[in-house]
Amino acid sequence: MSEEDDIEASKAPLIEHLIELRSRLIRAIIAIVIAFIICFAFAKSIYNFLVWPYDLTIRHMTGKPAVMIFTAPQEFFITQIKVAFYGALFFAFPVIATQIYKFVAPGLYKHEKQAFTPYLIATPVFFVLGAALVYFMLPMVLGFFAGMQQTGEGEIKIELLPRVSEYLSLIMSLTFAFGIVFQMPVVLTLLARIGFLTSEDLRLRRRWAILIAFVAAAVLTPPDPLSQISLAIPTILLYELTIFAVRFVERQKEKSAANAS
């Protein structure tokens, strides 16, 4: 049976596609709910894990553990809910991605499935790499801000006491920003594989890429130069890495074409 016959055999009426979509959505939602319940049970532990960079910074500067506050009775509870939902999306992503793939897979040719599968795996891997970079870079950023405190003799005491909700918002926004940026090699390499762009196109647009990297960093990160540079520089390095990856894909296609002929 040819690939065209496989596609024809997989065609179904609209109502069957909607039923299939509903089934996939229900499974994804169930995975999120289960992950949310588990994460909520360990919400404080997860939050303490996220606070580690700040605690490390304060211990290094003062020799004492970090202190955080909440200014509304329900604030820490709401923060735990956000932590649980954030963790649920993270841990349920493999299930969500699998359901999306299974929904669209019947409409793909065999070679398209083979091309798509590696990127399905690479997407969460690169997101985790971006999140890990934030996690281990954060002490440097927080140390910069904590160094602005006034604790000397004869000075008005100005001490950093971050709210639990504000700290969570900071680390979530940075993690999301870096995770999205780290998808660039995945997206651009996929576009190169389907022939939408070439490594030469990327080289010619290098200046624009650098400009866009700094603009995106200014939009996605807190309004301080250190955070923006910390995102812009890895983005530029990823762009250069993508050029080599795209060139590798081009060579593979050239070898395949030569073998086919």
Protein backbone atom coordinates (compact mmCIF):
# COMPACT_ATOMS: atom_id res chain seq x y z
CA MET A 1 0.00 0.00 0.00
CA SER A 2 1.38 3.43 -0.97
CA GLU A 3 1.61 6.45 1.33
CA GLU A 4 -1.31 8.06 -0.56
CA ASP A 5 -3.41 4.97 0.17
CA ASP A 6 -2.49 5.22 3.86
CA ILE A 7 -3.67 8.83 3.94
CA GLU A 8 -6.91 7.97 2.15
CA ALA A 9 -7.56 5.11 4.55
CA SER A 10 -7.12 7.43 7.52
CA LYS A 11 -9.70 9.96 6.30
CA ALA A 12 -12.81 10.21 8.41
CA PRO A 13 -15.95 12.36 8.54
CA LEU A 14 -15.80 15.63 10.43
CA ILE A 15 -17.82 14.28 13.36
CA GLU A 16 -15.30 11.46 13.86
CA HIS A 17 -12.44 13.99 13.89
CA LEU A 18 -14.28 16.03 16.52
CA ILE A 19 -14.87 12.92 18.63
CA GLU A 20 -11.20 12.04 18.33
CA LEU A 21 -10.21 15.60 19.27
CA ARG A 22 -12.49 15.48 22.33
CA SER A 23 -10.96 12.17 23.39
CA ARG A 24 -7.42 13.54 23.09
CA LEU A 25 -8.35 16.72 25.00
CA ILE A 26 -9.95 14.72 27.81
CA ARG A 27 -6.82 12.58 28.18
CA ALA A 28 -4.60 15.66 28.26
CA ILE A 29 -6.83 17.35 30.85
CA ILE A 30 -6.86 14.21 33.00
CA ALA A 31 -3.05 14.13 32.90
CA ILE A 32 -2.94 17.81 33.96
CA VAL A 33 -5.42 17.24 36.81
CA ILE A 34 -3.51 14.22 38.14
CA ALA A 35 -0.21 16.09 37.90
CA PHE A 36 -1.79 19.12 39.60
CA ILE A 37 -3.00 17.04 42.56
CA ILE A 38 0.43 15.47 43.01
CA CYS A 39 2.24 18.80 42.63
CA PHE A 40 -0.13 20.53 45.06
CA ALA A 41 0.68 17.87 47.66
CA PHE A 42 4.35 18.79 47.25
CA ALA A 43 3.81 22.49 46.49
CA LYS A 44 5.88 23.74 49.43
CA SER A 45 8.77 21.44 48.52
CA ILE A 46 8.62 22.57 44.88
CA TYR A 47 8.53 26.20 45.96
CA ASN A 48 11.51 25.67 48.27
CA PHE A 49 13.35 24.15 45.31
CA LEU A 50 12.55 27.25 43.24
CA VAL A 51 13.69 29.52 46.09
CA TRP A 52 17.08 27.81 46.34
CA PRO A 53 18.87 30.37 44.08
CA TYR A 54 17.67 33.25 46.27
CA ASP A 55 18.50 31.39 49.49
CA LEU A 56 21.98 30.61 48.15
CA THR A 57 22.51 34.29 47.32
CA ILE A 58 21.44 35.54 50.76
CA ARG A 59 23.45 32.88 52.60
CA HIS A 60 26.53 33.84 50.58
CA MET A 61 26.06 37.54 51.39
CA THR A 62 24.94 37.37 55.02
CA GLY A 63 25.60 33.85 56.26
CA LYS A 64 21.92 33.58 57.23
CA PRO A 65 18.99 31.81 55.51
CA ALA A 66 16.74 33.87 53.26
CA VAL A 67 13.52 35.39 54.55
CA MET A 68 10.44 35.86 52.36
CA ILE A 69 7.09 37.37 53.24
CA PHE A 70 3.46 37.38 52.15
CA THR A 71 1.29 40.42 52.76
CA ALA A 72 -2.19 38.96 52.30
CA PRO A 73 -3.66 36.02 54.24
CA GLN A 74 -4.41 34.03 51.09
CA GLU A 75 -1.24 34.96 49.18
CA PHE A 76 0.89 31.92 50.04
CA PHE A 77 -2.04 29.56 49.41
CA ILE A 78 -2.66 31.10 45.98
CA THR A 79 1.07 30.90 45.30
CA GLN A 80 1.01 27.17 46.07
CA ILE A 81 -1.86 26.73 43.61
CA LYS A 82 0.18 28.54 40.95
CA VAL A 83 3.20 26.39 41.74
CA ALA A 84 1.09 23.23 41.43
CA PHE A 85 -0.40 24.33 38.11
CA TYR A 86 3.02 25.35 36.80
CA GLY A 87 4.43 21.97 37.79
CA ALA A 88 1.40 20.16 36.36
CA LEU A 89 1.90 21.70 32.92
CA PHE A 90 5.59 20.83 33.05
CA PHE A 91 5.16 17.19 34.08
CA ALA A 92 2.06 16.60 31.92
CA PHE A 93 3.67 18.04 28.79
CA PRO A 94 4.85 14.62 27.47
CA VAL A 95 1.25 13.37 27.64
CA ILE A 96 -0.10 16.57 26.02
CA ALA A 97 2.48 16.42 23.23
CA THR A 98 1.77 12.72 22.65
CA GLN A 99 -1.97 13.37 22.35
CA ILE A 100 -1.36 16.18 19.86
CA TYR A 101 0.93 13.96 17.82
CA LYS A 102 -1.53 11.05 17.81
CA PHE A 103 -4.28 13.39 16.62
CA VAL A 104 -2.31 14.77 13.66
CA ALA A 105 -0.27 11.62 12.85
CA PRO A 106 -2.96 9.92 10.68
CA GLY A 107 -2.77 12.89 8.29
CA LEU A 108 1.01 12.65 7.86
CA TYR A 109 3.01 10.63 5.38
CA LYS A 110 5.49 8.08 6.74
CA HIS A 111 8.52 10.27 6.00
CA GLU A 112 6.77 13.24 7.63
CA LYS A 113 6.20 11.20 10.79
CA GLN A 114 9.86 10.22 10.84
CA ALA A 115 10.88 13.87 10.43
CA PHE A 116 8.46 15.13 13.09
CA THR A 117 9.21 12.62 15.88
CA PRO A 118 12.76 13.84 16.77
CA TYR A 119 11.47 17.39 17.18
CA LEU A 120 8.70 16.16 19.45
CA ILE A 121 11.41 14.80 21.73
CA ALA A 122 13.75 17.79 21.33
CA THR A 123 11.12 20.37 22.32
CA PRO A 124 10.87 19.48 26.04
CA VAL A 125 14.61 18.77 26.21
CA PHE A 126 15.51 22.26 25.02
CA PHE A 127 12.86 23.81 27.27
CA VAL A 128 14.44 22.06 30.28
CA LEU A 129 17.88 23.31 29.18
CA GLY A 130 16.54 26.87 29.09
CA ALA A 131 14.89 26.47 32.50
CA ALA A 132 18.09 24.98 33.95
CA LEU A 133 20.10 27.95 32.66
CA VAL A 134 17.70 30.31 34.46
CA TYR A 135 17.88 28.28 37.66
CA PHE A 136 21.67 28.32 37.88
CA MET A 137 22.04 31.86 36.52
CA LEU A 138 19.53 33.35 38.96
CA PRO A 139 21.94 33.67 41.94
CA MET A 140 24.05 36.06 39.87
CA VAL A 141 21.01 38.19 38.96
CA LEU A 142 19.61 38.15 42.50
CA GLY A 143 23.03 38.96 43.93
CA PHE A 144 23.10 42.09 41.76
CA PHE A 145 19.75 43.26 43.18
CA ALA A 146 20.47 42.19 46.75
CA GLY A 147 23.66 44.21 46.62
CA MET A 148 21.55 47.39 46.46
CA GLN A 149 20.46 46.98 50.08
CA GLN A 150 21.47 49.61 52.63
CA THR A 151 22.60 48.08 55.90
CA GLY A 152 25.56 50.29 56.88
CA GLU A 153 25.94 52.45 59.95
CA GLY A 154 24.30 55.88 59.71
CA GLU A 155 22.17 54.84 56.71
CA ILE A 156 18.46 54.28 56.47
CA LYS A 157 18.01 50.53 56.50
CA ILE A 158 16.71 49.30 53.14
CA GLU A 159 16.43 45.52 53.11
CA LEU A 160 15.26 43.12 50.43
CA LEU A 161 12.26 41.11 51.65
CA PRO A 162 10.64 39.62 48.53
CA ARG A 163 7.03 38.47 48.55
CA VAL A 164 6.48 34.80 47.80
CA SER A 165 4.12 35.61 44.91
CA GLU A 166 6.48 38.15 43.31
CA TYR A 167 9.42 35.76 43.45
CA LEU A 168 7.32 33.03 41.81
CA SER A 169 6.25 35.45 39.07
CA LEU A 170 9.90 36.37 38.46
CA ILE A 171 11.18 32.82 38.14
CA MET A 172 8.16 31.69 36.08
CA SER A 173 8.53 34.57 33.62
CA LEU A 174 12.27 33.96 33.25
CA THR A 175 11.80 30.20 32.87
CA PHE A 176 9.12 30.70 30.23
CA ALA A 177 11.23 33.26 28.36
CA PHE A 178 14.35 31.08 28.28
CA GLY A 179 12.33 27.95 27.50
CA ILE A 180 10.72 29.63 24.48
CA VAL A 181 14.04 31.05 23.25
CA PHE A 182 15.67 27.63 23.51
CA GLN A 183 13.09 26.32 21.02
CA MET A 184 14.81 28.34 18.29
CA PRO A 185 17.16 25.54 17.13
CA VAL A 186 14.21 23.12 17.05
CA VAL A 187 11.94 25.43 15.04
CA LEU A 188 14.57 26.70 12.59
CA THR A 189 16.00 23.24 11.97
CA LEU A 190 12.50 21.92 11.28
CA LEU A 191 11.90 24.79 8.83
CA ALA A 192 15.19 23.95 7.14
CA ARG A 193 14.21 20.30 6.87
CA ILE A 194 11.01 21.14 5.00
CA GLY A 195 12.96 23.53 2.74
CA PHE A 196 11.58 26.80 4.08
CA LEU A 197 15.05 28.27 4.77
CA THR A 198 18.75 27.49 4.38
CA SER A 199 21.91 27.99 6.40
CA GLU A 200 22.88 30.74 3.99
CA ASP A 201 19.62 32.56 4.77
CA LEU A 202 20.48 32.42 8.46
CA ARG A 203 23.97 33.76 7.86
CA LEU A 204 22.66 36.67 5.81
CA ARG A 205 20.15 37.56 8.54
CA ARG A 206 22.63 37.36 11.42
CA ARG A 207 22.53 41.12 12.14
CA TRP A 208 18.76 41.14 12.29
CA ALA A 209 18.85 38.09 14.54
CA ILE A 210 21.15 39.89 17.00
CA LEU A 211 18.85 42.91 17.05
CA ILE A 212 15.76 40.75 17.55
CA ALA A 213 17.53 38.84 20.35
CA PHE A 214 18.08 42.02 22.35
CA VAL A 215 14.55 43.30 21.64
CA ALA A 216 13.03 39.97 22.73
CA ALA A 217 15.20 39.96 25.86
CA ALA A 218 13.99 43.46 26.73
CA VAL A 219 10.35 42.36 26.35
CA LEU A 220 10.53 38.95 28.03
CA THR A 221 12.75 39.67 31.04
CA PRO A 222 12.51 42.06 34.00
CA PRO A 223 13.58 45.64 33.17
CA ASP A 224 17.22 45.40 34.17
CA PRO A 225 20.29 45.17 31.92
CA LEU A 226 21.72 42.07 33.61
CA SER A 227 18.65 39.90 32.97
CA GLN A 228 18.33 41.18 29.41
CA ILE A 229 21.97 40.50 28.56
CA SER A 230 21.75 37.09 30.24
CA LEU A 231 18.96 36.15 27.82
CA ALA A 232 20.29 37.92 24.71
CA ILE A 233 23.77 36.34 24.76
CA PRO A 234 22.55 32.70 24.95
CA THR A 235 20.00 33.52 22.24
CA ILE A 236 22.75 34.72 19.90
CA LEU A 237 24.86 31.64 20.68
CA LEU A 238 21.85 29.43 19.98
CA TYR A 239 21.38 31.18 16.64
CA GLU A 240 24.98 30.39 15.70
CA LEU A 241 24.48 26.79 16.82
CA THR A 242 21.33 26.63 14.68
CA ILE A 243 23.31 27.62 11.59
CA PHE A 244 25.56 24.58 12.07
CA ALA A 245 22.54 22.36 12.77
CA VAL A 246 20.78 23.54 9.61
CA ARG A 247 23.94 22.97 7.60
CA PHE A 248 24.09 19.42 8.99
CA VAL A 249 20.47 18.84 7.91
CA GLU A 250 21.30 20.14 4.42
CA ARG A 251 24.22 17.74 4.13
CA GLN A 252 22.02 14.85 5.20
CA LYS A 253 19.45 15.77 2.55
CA GLU A 254 22.21 16.03 -0.06
CA LYS A 255 23.49 12.56 0.87
CA SER A 256 19.97 11.12 0.72
CA ALA A 257 19.39 12.67 -2.69
CA ALA A 258 22.75 11.34 -3.95
CA ASN A 259 21.98 7.83 -2.69
CA ALA A 260 18.51 7.93 -4.25
CA SER A 261 19.95 8.85 -7.62
